[in-house]
Every structure is written in structure tokens, then in C-alpha cells.
Amino acid sequence: DRVVAMNAGIGAYASHRNVPAAKVVRIPEGISDEAAAAVFFKGMTAQYLLRKTHRVVPGDVLLVHAAAGGVGLILSRWAKALGATVIGTAGSTAKCASAVAAGCDACIDYTQPDWVAQVVAATGGRKANVVYDSVAAHTFLGSLDCAAPFGMVVLYGAASGPAPAIDPELLNKLDAIMARVNGAA
């Protein structure tokens, strides 16, 4: 059988390996080895983000940047199946349509100057429990604005370049602003 497995350790670049059967997935007919490897890796990334980095539960609000990309499409559909409200972002109207077709409740074009306000409006004012950001340079500071108090911003890529360095005091100020907005201060 043709199979695919994930391995980042010793032997990761070998053409043949001995792997326990429980660690492999059979590749269906008609799927190339290259496509299987690419999709499997993207699926494993989505699994890690949804089940390990932040265990998504029903009712969570998620923001998925690059929701029309390989990981974004899997991540969005899976998160929706887990019962989350999923807001996506993408770099064009056409890409947003793909993200909505994959399960996003809404998708915002992050090239628009008011994309952060549009994201928050799409949830009725509720901010994200977790923001999955693979774009970085173009979206990171806005991602911080989209995260709920004590929410999580997960950087797992840098499609537009590295995220900007930030002064840690900015995070303190965000918490103080959020406390005032939510009536806690």
C-alpha cells in the first residue's frame, strides 16, 4: 500500500523508512504522492492548532487568517465542525468566497483598511478566543485587536513577512483597554 506518515525526526528525508502501521495513513488511488504529502502536512498542522495549541470547543470564536489557503481551508472546516464560530480573512473577494464555501461564517478581505472592525462586526462585537495568524507582518497587530481578553494569538507562518517586534507594554495597554470596554475597570 502507498502510505503517508508525519516525521520530523531522524530519517525525515529518507526515501524509505520503517514506521509502525498505526502511524501511517493509506493514500487513496488517484492521489499523487506529492499531493498526499502536502495535504497530510497541512492537515497535521490544522490538527495541532485545533486540538493542541488551543483545544477548540463549541461556542469558541476563531479568527483564521489566510482562510482560503491550504491550512486555512482545513482549519476553518474542521473548526466549524467542532461547533466554533469561524471568521476568516483572505486577500481578495474571490478568496473570501472560497473560505465561506469551506465553512467560515464570514470572511473579511484583510487588504481593506478597516478589516479589524469588520471582523469584530461579523461576530456581533465578540472578539476571538483564538486568532490563527499565518500572514504575520500585514495582520499581526490587527490580530491583537481581534483577540478577546485572555485570548490567544497563534503565529504559525509569515506569508507577508515576519511579525513586527512589539513592546510588551503594548499588551498591558490592550488588557487595560479591554477591561474598560468590558466594564471591569
C-alpha atoms as a PDB file:
ATOM      1  CA  ASP A   1       0.000   0.000   0.000  1.00  0.00           C
ATOM      2  CA  ARG A   2       1.055   3.572  -0.600  1.00  0.00           C
ATOM      3  CA  VAL A   3       1.027   5.432   2.708  1.00  0.00           C
ATOM      4  CA  VAL A   4       1.944   8.775   4.194  1.00  0.00           C
ATOM      5  CA  ALA A   5       3.292   9.496   7.668  1.00  0.00           C
ATOM      6  CA  MET A   6       4.497  12.566   9.524  1.00  0.00           C
ATOM      7  CA  ASN A   7       8.060  12.589  10.765  1.00  0.00           C
ATOM      8  CA  ALA A   8      10.289  15.486  11.656  1.00  0.00           C
ATOM      9  CA  GLY A   9      12.964  13.452  13.399  1.00  0.00           C
ATOM     10  CA  ILE A  10      15.814  11.214  12.286  1.00  0.00           C
ATOM     11  CA  GLY A  11      15.219   9.885   8.799  1.00  0.00           C
ATOM     12  CA  ALA A  12      12.741  12.593   7.797  1.00  0.00           C
ATOM     13  CA  TYR A  13      14.367  12.953   4.370  1.00  0.00           C
ATOM     14  CA  ALA A  14      14.827   9.234   3.704  1.00  0.00           C
ATOM     15  CA  SER A  15      13.115   7.709   0.689  1.00  0.00           C
ATOM     16  CA  HIS A  16      12.174   4.567   2.683  1.00  0.00           C
ATOM     17  CA  ARG A  17      11.528   4.045   6.408  1.00  0.00           C
ATOM     18  CA  ASN A  18      10.111   1.517   8.806  1.00  0.00           C
ATOM     19  CA  VAL A  19       7.138   3.126  10.557  1.00  0.00           C
ATOM     20  CA  PRO A  20       4.566   1.488  12.854  1.00  0.00           C
ATOM     21  CA  ALA A  21       1.333   0.790  10.955  1.00  0.00           C
ATOM     22  CA  ALA A  22      -0.636   2.868  13.468  1.00  0.00           C
ATOM     23  CA  LYS A  23       1.343   5.945  12.398  1.00  0.00           C
ATOM     24  CA  VAL A  24       0.550   5.799   8.676  1.00  0.00           C
ATOM     25  CA  VAL A  25      -2.435   6.720   6.523  1.00  0.00           C
ATOM     26  CA  ARG A  26      -3.240   4.900   3.295  1.00  0.00           C
ATOM     27  CA  ILE A  27      -3.156   7.125   0.199  1.00  0.00           C
ATOM     28  CA  PRO A  28      -6.301   6.713  -1.937  1.00  0.00           C
ATOM     29  CA  GLU A  29      -5.980   5.815  -5.615  1.00  0.00           C
ATOM     30  CA  GLY A  30      -5.764   8.850  -7.863  1.00  0.00           C
ATOM     31  CA  ILE A  31      -3.872  10.934  -5.308  1.00  0.00           C
ATOM     32  CA  SER A  32      -0.217  11.593  -6.158  1.00  0.00           C
ATOM     33  CA  ASP A  33       2.482  11.084  -3.566  1.00  0.00           C
ATOM     34  CA  GLU A  34       3.236  14.820  -3.728  1.00  0.00           C
ATOM     35  CA  ALA A  35      -0.406  15.821  -3.153  1.00  0.00           C
ATOM     36  CA  ALA A  36      -0.766  13.307  -0.314  1.00  0.00           C
ATOM     37  CA  ALA A  37       2.330  14.653   1.435  1.00  0.00           C
ATOM     38  CA  ALA A  38       1.186  18.268   1.042  1.00  0.00           C
ATOM     39  CA  VAL A  39      -2.373  17.680   2.236  1.00  0.00           C
ATOM     40  CA  PHE A  40      -1.272  15.459   5.100  1.00  0.00           C
ATOM     41  CA  PHE A  41       1.174  18.077   6.360  1.00  0.00           C
ATOM     42  CA  LYS A  42      -1.486  20.808   6.160  1.00  0.00           C
ATOM     43  CA  GLY A  43      -3.979  18.557   7.947  1.00  0.00           C
ATOM     44  CA  MET A  44      -1.476  17.763  10.697  1.00  0.00           C
ATOM     45  CA  THR A  45      -0.857  21.498  11.121  1.00  0.00           C
ATOM     46  CA  ALA A  46      -4.607  22.109  11.446  1.00  0.00           C
ATOM     47  CA  GLN A  47      -4.895  19.251  13.946  1.00  0.00           C
ATOM     48  CA  TYR A  48      -2.106  20.679  16.075  1.00  0.00           C
ATOM     49  CA  LEU A  49      -3.657  24.156  16.035  1.00  0.00           C
ATOM     50  CA  LEU A  50      -7.218  22.999  16.820  1.00  0.00           C
ATOM     51  CA  ARG A  51      -6.550  20.221  19.294  1.00  0.00           C
ATOM     52  CA  LYS A  52      -3.180  21.005  20.923  1.00  0.00           C
ATOM     53  CA  THR A  53      -2.378  24.726  20.732  1.00  0.00           C
ATOM     54  CA  HIS A  54      -5.916  25.782  21.670  1.00  0.00           C
ATOM     55  CA  ARG A  55      -8.427  22.997  22.164  1.00  0.00           C
ATOM     56  CA  VAL A  56     -11.405  24.387  20.246  1.00  0.00           C
ATOM     57  CA  VAL A  57     -14.786  23.739  21.855  1.00  0.00           C
ATOM     58  CA  PRO A  58     -18.360  24.537  20.784  1.00  0.00           C
ATOM     59  CA  GLY A  59     -19.059  28.233  21.167  1.00  0.00           C
ATOM     60  CA  ASP A  60     -15.473  29.398  20.652  1.00  0.00           C
ATOM     61  CA  VAL A  61     -14.945  32.311  18.270  1.00  0.00           C
ATOM     62  CA  LEU A  62     -11.975  31.838  15.945  1.00  0.00           C
ATOM     63  CA  LEU A  63     -10.282  34.163  13.509  1.00  0.00           C
ATOM     64  CA  VAL A  64      -8.423  32.324  10.755  1.00  0.00           C
ATOM     65  CA  HIS A  65      -6.130  34.411   8.587  1.00  0.00           C
ATOM     66  CA  ALA A  66      -5.439  33.121   5.065  1.00  0.00           C
ATOM     67  CA  ALA A  67      -8.636  31.099   5.392  1.00  0.00           C
ATOM     68  CA  ALA A  68      -8.585  30.281   1.665  1.00  0.00           C
ATOM     69  CA  GLY A  69      -5.092  28.758   1.837  1.00  0.00           C
ATOM     70  CA  GLY A  70      -4.221  25.097   2.278  1.00  0.00           C
ATOM     71  CA  VAL A  71      -4.147  25.048   6.078  1.00  0.00           C
ATOM     72  CA  GLY A  72      -6.845  27.727   6.346  1.00  0.00           C
ATOM     73  CA  LEU A  73      -9.425  25.731   4.396  1.00  0.00           C
ATOM     74  CA  ILE A  74      -8.897  22.608   6.515  1.00  0.00           C
ATOM     75  CA  LEU A  75      -8.708  24.609   9.735  1.00  0.00           C
ATOM     76  CA  SER A  76     -11.922  26.520   9.006  1.00  0.00           C
ATOM     77  CA  ARG A  77     -13.984  23.495   8.027  1.00  0.00           C
ATOM     78  CA  TRP A  78     -12.754  21.440  10.985  1.00  0.00           C
ATOM     79  CA  ALA A  79     -13.309  24.281  13.480  1.00  0.00           C
ATOM     80  CA  LYS A  80     -16.850  24.751  12.178  1.00  0.00           C
ATOM     81  CA  ALA A  81     -17.486  21.014  12.613  1.00  0.00           C
ATOM     82  CA  LEU A  82     -16.288  21.376  16.223  1.00  0.00           C
ATOM     83  CA  GLY A  83     -19.005  23.973  16.828  1.00  0.00           C
ATOM     84  CA  ALA A  84     -16.943  27.162  16.649  1.00  0.00           C
ATOM     85  CA  THR A  85     -17.913  30.444  15.047  1.00  0.00           C
ATOM     86  CA  VAL A  86     -15.252  30.889  12.378  1.00  0.00           C
ATOM     87  CA  ILE A  87     -14.368  34.239  10.875  1.00  0.00           C
ATOM     88  CA  GLY A  88     -11.822  34.065   8.099  1.00  0.00           C
ATOM     89  CA  THR A  89      -9.686  36.620   6.366  1.00  0.00           C
ATOM     90  CA  ALA A  90      -8.190  36.461   2.896  1.00  0.00           C
ATOM     91  CA  GLY A  91      -6.572  38.829   0.439  1.00  0.00           C
ATOM     92  CA  SER A  92      -9.396  39.150  -2.100  1.00  0.00           C
ATOM     93  CA  THR A  93     -13.139  38.821  -2.594  1.00  0.00           C
ATOM     94  CA  ALA A  94     -12.669  35.612  -4.598  1.00  0.00           C
ATOM     95  CA  LYS A  95     -10.562  34.044  -1.842  1.00  0.00           C
ATOM     96  CA  CYS A  96     -13.161  35.094   0.729  1.00  0.00           C
ATOM     97  CA  ALA A  97     -15.828  33.264  -1.281  1.00  0.00           C
ATOM     98  CA  SER A  98     -13.699  30.080  -1.124  1.00  0.00           C
ATOM     99  CA  ALA A  99     -13.298  30.459   2.633  1.00  0.00           C
ATOM    100  CA  VAL A 100     -17.048  30.867   3.168  1.00  0.00           C
ATOM    101  CA  ALA A 101     -17.674  27.804   0.965  1.00  0.00           C
ATOM    102  CA  ALA A 102     -15.274  25.884   3.227  1.00  0.00           C
ATOM    103  CA  GLY A 103     -17.231  26.733   6.357  1.00  0.00           C
ATOM    104  CA  CYS A 104     -16.329  30.228   7.534  1.00  0.00           C
ATOM    105  CA  ASP A 105     -19.315  32.101   8.934  1.00  0.00           C
ATOM    106  CA  ALA A 106     -17.892  35.237   7.306  1.00  0.00           C
ATOM    107  CA  CYS A 107     -14.692  36.214   5.563  1.00  0.00           C
ATOM    108  CA  ILE A 108     -13.113  39.655   5.511  1.00  0.00           C
ATOM    109  CA  ASP A 109     -10.617  40.970   2.956  1.00  0.00           C
ATOM    110  CA  TYR A 110      -7.615  41.876   5.125  1.00  0.00           C
ATOM    111  CA  THR A 111      -6.278  44.255   2.457  1.00  0.00           C
ATOM    112  CA  GLN A 112      -9.079  46.664   3.439  1.00  0.00           C
ATOM    113  CA  PRO A 113      -8.024  49.345   5.949  1.00  0.00           C
ATOM    114  CA  ASP A 114     -10.967  48.638   8.295  1.00  0.00           C
ATOM    115  CA  TRP A 115     -10.634  44.844   8.326  1.00  0.00           C
ATOM    116  CA  VAL A 116     -10.334  44.662  12.134  1.00  0.00           C
ATOM    117  CA  ALA A 117     -13.651  46.497  12.628  1.00  0.00           C
ATOM    118  CA  GLN A 118     -15.262  44.234  10.019  1.00  0.00           C
ATOM    119  CA  VAL A 119     -14.042  41.115  11.833  1.00  0.00           C
ATOM    120  CA  VAL A 120     -15.442  42.306  15.162  1.00  0.00           C
ATOM    121  CA  ALA A 121     -18.714  43.349  13.492  1.00  0.00           C
ATOM    122  CA  ALA A 122     -19.043  39.882  11.896  1.00  0.00           C
ATOM    123  CA  THR A 123     -19.305  38.346  15.384  1.00  0.00           C
ATOM    124  CA  GLY A 124     -21.696  40.938  16.742  1.00  0.00           C
ATOM    125  CA  GLY A 125     -18.906  42.525  18.759  1.00  0.00           C
ATOM    126  CA  ARG A 126     -17.487  39.350  20.253  1.00  0.00           C
ATOM    127  CA  LYS A 127     -13.723  39.016  19.950  1.00  0.00           C
ATOM    128  CA  ALA A 128     -11.867  35.797  19.172  1.00  0.00           C
ATOM    129  CA  ASN A 129     -10.893  33.201  21.759  1.00  0.00           C
ATOM    130  CA  VAL A 130      -8.063  32.355  19.387  1.00  0.00           C
ATOM    131  CA  VAL A 131      -6.606  34.028  16.306  1.00  0.00           C
ATOM    132  CA  TYR A 132      -4.658  31.765  13.940  1.00  0.00           C
ATOM    133  CA  ASP A 133      -2.259  34.019  12.028  1.00  0.00           C
ATOM    134  CA  SER A 134      -0.078  32.661   9.234  1.00  0.00           C
ATOM    135  CA  VAL A 135       0.210  36.038   7.467  1.00  0.00           C
ATOM    136  CA  ALA A 136       2.131  37.899  10.229  1.00  0.00           C
ATOM    137  CA  ALA A 137       3.584  41.237   9.052  1.00  0.00           C
ATOM    138  CA  HIS A 138       0.360  42.525   7.491  1.00  0.00           C
ATOM    139  CA  THR A 139      -2.041  41.170  10.126  1.00  0.00           C
ATOM    140  CA  PHE A 140      -0.302  40.683  13.477  1.00  0.00           C
ATOM    141  CA  LEU A 141      -1.089  43.995  15.176  1.00  0.00           C
ATOM    142  CA  GLY A 142      -4.703  43.729  13.985  1.00  0.00           C
ATOM    143  CA  SER A 143      -4.788  40.165  15.292  1.00  0.00           C
ATOM    144  CA  LEU A 144      -4.031  41.523  18.761  1.00  0.00           C
ATOM    145  CA  ASP A 145      -7.029  43.871  18.399  1.00  0.00           C
ATOM    146  CA  CYS A 146      -9.270  40.947  17.383  1.00  0.00           C
ATOM    147  CA  ALA A 147      -8.387  38.727  20.353  1.00  0.00           C
ATOM    148  CA  ALA A 148     -10.649  38.598  23.397  1.00  0.00           C
ATOM    149  CA  PRO A 149      -9.217  39.358  26.842  1.00  0.00           C
ATOM    150  CA  PHE A 150      -7.063  36.374  27.789  1.00  0.00           C
ATOM    151  CA  GLY A 151      -7.470  35.147  24.209  1.00  0.00           C
ATOM    152  CA  MET A 152      -4.644  33.666  22.232  1.00  0.00           C
ATOM    153  CA  VAL A 153      -2.908  34.870  19.068  1.00  0.00           C
ATOM    154  CA  VAL A 154      -1.067  31.990  17.401  1.00  0.00           C
ATOM    155  CA  LEU A 155       1.574  32.835  14.807  1.00  0.00           C
ATOM    156  CA  TYR A 156       2.332  29.789  12.691  1.00  0.00           C
ATOM    157  CA  GLY A 157       3.643  31.323   9.482  1.00  0.00           C
ATOM    158  CA  ALA A 158       4.775  34.575   7.937  1.00  0.00           C
ATOM    159  CA  ALA A 159       3.356  34.816   4.410  1.00  0.00           C
ATOM    160  CA  SER A 160       3.709  38.606   4.331  1.00  0.00           C
ATOM    161  CA  GLY A 161       6.976  38.674   6.268  1.00  0.00           C
ATOM    162  CA  PRO A 162       7.849  38.360   9.946  1.00  0.00           C
ATOM    163  CA  ALA A 163       5.526  39.823  12.547  1.00  0.00           C
ATOM    164  CA  PRO A 164       6.719  43.182  13.814  1.00  0.00           C
ATOM    165  CA  ALA A 165       8.505  43.347  17.133  1.00  0.00           C
ATOM    166  CA  ILE A 166       6.270  44.844  19.786  1.00  0.00           C
ATOM    167  CA  ASP A 167       6.881  46.479  23.100  1.00  0.00           C
ATOM    168  CA  PRO A 168       5.472  44.147  25.788  1.00  0.00           C
ATOM    169  CA  GLU A 169       3.865  47.222  27.388  1.00  0.00           C
ATOM    170  CA  LEU A 170       1.503  47.298  24.379  1.00  0.00           C
ATOM    171  CA  LEU A 171      -0.012  44.035  25.638  1.00  0.00           C
ATOM    172  CA  ASN A 172      -0.574  45.550  29.083  1.00  0.00           C
ATOM    173  CA  LYS A 173      -2.320  48.502  27.485  1.00  0.00           C
ATOM    174  CA  LEU A 174      -4.518  46.192  25.422  1.00  0.00           C
ATOM    175  CA  ASP A 175      -5.622  44.378  28.596  1.00  0.00           C
ATOM    176  CA  ALA A 176      -6.405  47.700  30.292  1.00  0.00           C
ATOM    177  CA  ILE A 177      -8.377  48.935  27.282  1.00  0.00           C
ATOM    178  CA  MET A 178     -10.310  45.646  27.093  1.00  0.00           C
ATOM    179  CA  ALA A 179     -11.111  45.786  30.815  1.00  0.00           C
ATOM    180  CA  ARG A 180     -12.597  49.297  30.399  1.00  0.00           C
ATOM    181  CA  VAL A 181     -14.565  48.259  27.297  1.00  0.00           C
ATOM    182  CA  ASN A 182     -15.994  45.249  29.128  1.00  0.00           C
ATOM    183  CA  GLY A 183     -16.875  47.244  32.248  1.00  0.00           C
ATOM    184  CA  ALA A 184     -14.321  45.554  34.517  1.00  0.00           C
ATOM    185  CA  ALA A 185     -12.309  48.685  35.328  1.00  0.00           C
END
